Amino acid sequence: MPEKGLKYVARTTVGADNTALAMGSGDMEVFATPAMVALMEHAAMHAVAADLPEGSTTVGASMETTHVRPSAVGAVIAAEAELVETEGRRLTFRVAAFDGEALIGEGTHVRYIVDRAKFLSKL
């Protein structure tokens, strides 16, 4: 089972496909908040993936975040996730996103460990 302190950094470059204009979350060509949230989730998922039981994965349950600074097309964004709390199947991460050295967003993300087959059988 995953233990506190696990970390991962995910990166993306702001391009035409992940701007607020393209994603419909705004009308400017800047890094979209939904893209930032997805990058944070991606980092959290990968932070614990190698430490999960066979046949398990994690699913996102909640995200509380801020997006405090715009990023231009061409900027390289890094999202960091650190596992800060475990409670049974519940995993809580501290997440943050950076454009270079500048903090552009931060928050808390909760994921749950699930059995893949059992989870998909509920569809």
C-alpha atoms as a PDB file:
ATOM      1  CA  MET A   1       0.000   0.000   0.000  1.00  0.00           C
ATOM      2  CA  PRO A   2       1.193   3.531  -0.727  1.00  0.00           C
ATOM      3  CA  GLU A   3       2.867   5.408   2.115  1.00  0.00           C
ATOM      4  CA  LYS A   4       3.031   9.133   2.813  1.00  0.00           C
ATOM      5  CA  GLY A   5       5.743  11.041   1.023  1.00  0.00           C
ATOM      6  CA  LEU A   6       5.370   9.490  -2.441  1.00  0.00           C
ATOM      7  CA  LYS A   7       5.805  12.177  -5.124  1.00  0.00           C
ATOM      8  CA  TYR A   8       5.542  12.624  -8.863  1.00  0.00           C
ATOM      9  CA  VAL A   9       5.949  15.544 -11.276  1.00  0.00           C
ATOM     10  CA  ALA A  10       3.967  15.640 -14.536  1.00  0.00           C
ATOM     11  CA  ARG A  11       4.752  18.117 -17.292  1.00  0.00           C
ATOM     12  CA  THR A  12       2.994  19.560 -20.300  1.00  0.00           C
ATOM     13  CA  THR A  13       3.501  22.404 -22.733  1.00  0.00           C
ATOM     14  CA  VAL A  14       0.726  24.915 -23.224  1.00  0.00           C
ATOM     15  CA  GLY A  15      -0.523  24.474 -26.775  1.00  0.00           C
ATOM     16  CA  ALA A  16      -3.603  25.102 -28.854  1.00  0.00           C
ATOM     17  CA  ASP A  17      -5.368  22.048 -27.392  1.00  0.00           C
ATOM     18  CA  ASN A  18      -5.127  22.944 -23.689  1.00  0.00           C
ATOM     19  CA  THR A  19      -5.988  26.636 -23.681  1.00  0.00           C
ATOM     20  CA  ALA A  20      -9.099  28.038 -22.056  1.00  0.00           C
ATOM     21  CA  LEU A  21     -10.390  28.972 -25.507  1.00  0.00           C
ATOM     22  CA  ALA A  22      -9.969  25.435 -26.885  1.00  0.00           C
ATOM     23  CA  MET A  23     -11.409  23.720 -23.804  1.00  0.00           C
ATOM     24  CA  GLY A  24     -14.370  26.065 -23.509  1.00  0.00           C
ATOM     25  CA  SER A  25     -13.535  27.216 -19.979  1.00  0.00           C
ATOM     26  CA  GLY A  26     -12.743  30.761 -21.102  1.00  0.00           C
ATOM     27  CA  ASP A  27     -12.182  32.852 -24.192  1.00  0.00           C
ATOM     28  CA  MET A  28      -8.438  33.479 -24.076  1.00  0.00           C
ATOM     29  CA  GLU A  29      -5.450  31.518 -25.327  1.00  0.00           C
ATOM     30  CA  VAL A  30      -3.927  30.821 -21.898  1.00  0.00           C
ATOM     31  CA  PHE A  31      -3.476  27.538 -19.993  1.00  0.00           C
ATOM     32  CA  ALA A  32      -6.938  26.287 -19.052  1.00  0.00           C
ATOM     33  CA  THR A  33      -7.876  25.562 -15.458  1.00  0.00           C
ATOM     34  CA  PRO A  34      -9.345  22.152 -16.444  1.00  0.00           C
ATOM     35  CA  ALA A  35      -6.003  21.282 -18.064  1.00  0.00           C
ATOM     36  CA  MET A  36      -4.154  22.261 -14.889  1.00  0.00           C
ATOM     37  CA  VAL A  37      -6.493  20.117 -12.775  1.00  0.00           C
ATOM     38  CA  ALA A  38      -6.033  17.154 -15.142  1.00  0.00           C
ATOM     39  CA  LEU A  39      -2.245  17.517 -14.934  1.00  0.00           C
ATOM     40  CA  MET A  40      -2.435  17.568 -11.130  1.00  0.00           C
ATOM     41  CA  GLU A  41      -4.586  14.411 -11.161  1.00  0.00           C
ATOM     42  CA  HIS A  42      -2.141  12.765 -13.557  1.00  0.00           C
ATOM     43  CA  ALA A  43       0.729  13.491 -11.164  1.00  0.00           C
ATOM     44  CA  ALA A  44      -1.198  12.105  -8.175  1.00  0.00           C
ATOM     45  CA  MET A  45      -2.189   8.948 -10.052  1.00  0.00           C
ATOM     46  CA  HIS A  46       1.435   8.269 -11.018  1.00  0.00           C
ATOM     47  CA  ALA A  47       2.784   9.084  -7.545  1.00  0.00           C
ATOM     48  CA  VAL A  48       1.223   5.914  -6.126  1.00  0.00           C
ATOM     49  CA  ALA A  49       0.750   3.658  -9.170  1.00  0.00           C
ATOM     50  CA  ALA A  50       3.774   1.441  -8.529  1.00  0.00           C
ATOM     51  CA  ASP A  51       2.757   0.825  -4.893  1.00  0.00           C
ATOM     52  CA  LEU A  52      -0.799  -0.399  -5.527  1.00  0.00           C
ATOM     53  CA  PRO A  53      -1.973  -3.988  -5.108  1.00  0.00           C
ATOM     54  CA  GLU A  54      -2.221  -6.114  -8.271  1.00  0.00           C
ATOM     55  CA  GLY A  55      -5.368  -5.274 -10.250  1.00  0.00           C
ATOM     56  CA  SER A  56      -5.876  -1.929  -8.508  1.00  0.00           C
ATOM     57  CA  THR A  57      -5.822   1.668  -9.645  1.00  0.00           C
ATOM     58  CA  THR A  58      -6.910   5.001  -8.184  1.00  0.00           C
ATOM     59  CA  VAL A  59      -9.829   7.215  -9.117  1.00  0.00           C
ATOM     60  CA  GLY A  60     -10.229  10.900  -8.412  1.00  0.00           C
ATOM     61  CA  ALA A  61     -12.908  11.865  -5.899  1.00  0.00           C
ATOM     62  CA  SER A  62     -12.354  15.534  -5.151  1.00  0.00           C
ATOM     63  CA  MET A  63     -10.143  18.460  -6.047  1.00  0.00           C
ATOM     64  CA  GLU A  64      -9.929  21.739  -4.180  1.00  0.00           C
ATOM     65  CA  THR A  65      -7.633  24.083  -6.052  1.00  0.00           C
ATOM     66  CA  THR A  66      -6.805  27.625  -7.009  1.00  0.00           C
ATOM     67  CA  HIS A  67      -5.511  28.888 -10.352  1.00  0.00           C
ATOM     68  CA  VAL A  68      -3.799  32.166  -9.567  1.00  0.00           C
ATOM     69  CA  ARG A  69      -1.629  33.048 -12.558  1.00  0.00           C
ATOM     70  CA  PRO A  70      -2.021  32.785 -16.351  1.00  0.00           C
ATOM     71  CA  SER A  71       0.409  30.876 -18.561  1.00  0.00           C
ATOM     72  CA  ALA A  72       1.023  31.632 -22.233  1.00  0.00           C
ATOM     73  CA  VAL A  73       1.076  29.243 -25.180  1.00  0.00           C
ATOM     74  CA  GLY A  74       4.539  27.677 -25.233  1.00  0.00           C
ATOM     75  CA  ALA A  75       5.022  27.674 -21.461  1.00  0.00           C
ATOM     76  CA  VAL A  76       6.119  24.426 -19.829  1.00  0.00           C
ATOM     77  CA  ILE A  77       3.903  23.572 -16.861  1.00  0.00           C
ATOM     78  CA  ALA A  78       4.982  21.195 -14.086  1.00  0.00           C
ATOM     79  CA  ALA A  79       2.409  19.740 -11.701  1.00  0.00           C
ATOM     80  CA  GLU A  80       3.664  18.161  -8.497  1.00  0.00           C
ATOM     81  CA  ALA A  81       1.720  15.753  -6.302  1.00  0.00           C
ATOM     82  CA  GLU A  82       2.764  14.472  -2.891  1.00  0.00           C
ATOM     83  CA  LEU A  83       0.850  11.877  -0.889  1.00  0.00           C
ATOM     84  CA  VAL A  84       0.277  13.514   2.499  1.00  0.00           C
ATOM     85  CA  GLU A  85      -2.355  11.278   4.122  1.00  0.00           C
ATOM     86  CA  THR A  86      -3.687   7.746   3.836  1.00  0.00           C
ATOM     87  CA  GLU A  87      -6.841   6.453   5.463  1.00  0.00           C
ATOM     88  CA  GLY A  88      -7.804   2.994   4.262  1.00  0.00           C
ATOM     89  CA  ARG A  89      -8.452   3.291   0.531  1.00  0.00           C
ATOM     90  CA  ARG A  90      -8.550   7.122   0.707  1.00  0.00           C
ATOM     91  CA  LEU A  91      -5.404   8.949  -0.446  1.00  0.00           C
ATOM     92  CA  THR A  92      -4.942  12.697   0.034  1.00  0.00           C
ATOM     93  CA  PHE A  93      -2.403  14.635  -2.010  1.00  0.00           C
ATOM     94  CA  ARG A  94      -0.976  18.126  -1.843  1.00  0.00           C
ATOM     95  CA  VAL A  95      -0.811  19.374  -5.437  1.00  0.00           C
ATOM     96  CA  ALA A  96       0.815  22.404  -7.014  1.00  0.00           C
ATOM     97  CA  ALA A  97       1.472  23.613 -10.557  1.00  0.00           C
ATOM     98  CA  PHE A  98       4.298  25.833 -11.748  1.00  0.00           C
ATOM     99  CA  ASP A  99       5.120  27.836 -14.854  1.00  0.00           C
ATOM    100  CA  GLY A 100       8.894  27.853 -14.505  1.00  0.00           C
ATOM    101  CA  GLU A 101       9.505  28.963 -10.916  1.00  0.00           C
ATOM    102  CA  ALA A 102       6.147  30.750 -10.597  1.00  0.00           C
ATOM    103  CA  LEU A 103       3.329  29.035  -8.723  1.00  0.00           C
ATOM    104  CA  ILE A 104       0.193  29.060 -10.885  1.00  0.00           C
ATOM    105  CA  GLY A 105      -2.078  26.843  -8.784  1.00  0.00           C
ATOM    106  CA  GLU A 106      -2.229  24.654  -5.701  1.00  0.00           C
ATOM    107  CA  GLY A 107      -4.629  22.612  -3.672  1.00  0.00           C
ATOM    108  CA  THR A 108      -5.678  19.273  -2.234  1.00  0.00           C
ATOM    109  CA  HIS A 109      -6.707  16.207  -4.227  1.00  0.00           C
ATOM    110  CA  VAL A 110      -8.372  13.033  -2.919  1.00  0.00           C
ATOM    111  CA  ARG A 111      -8.204   9.698  -4.736  1.00  0.00           C
ATOM    112  CA  TYR A 112      -9.481   6.246  -3.775  1.00  0.00           C
ATOM    113  CA  ILE A 113      -7.857   2.895  -4.408  1.00  0.00           C
ATOM    114  CA  VAL A 114     -10.250   0.646  -6.332  1.00  0.00           C
ATOM    115  CA  ASP A 115     -10.153  -2.813  -7.846  1.00  0.00           C
ATOM    116  CA  ARG A 116     -10.278  -2.240 -11.620  1.00  0.00           C
ATOM    117  CA  ALA A 117     -12.596  -5.150 -12.464  1.00  0.00           C
ATOM    118  CA  LYS A 118     -15.015  -4.471  -9.611  1.00  0.00           C
ATOM    119  CA  PHE A 119     -15.108  -0.750 -10.431  1.00  0.00           C
ATOM    120  CA  LEU A 120     -15.793  -1.345 -14.132  1.00  0.00           C
ATOM    121  CA  SER A 121     -18.508  -3.922 -13.343  1.00  0.00           C
ATOM    122  CA  LYS A 122     -20.588  -1.069 -11.889  1.00  0.00           C
ATOM    123  CA  LEU A 123     -20.960   0.594 -15.313  1.00  0.00           C
END
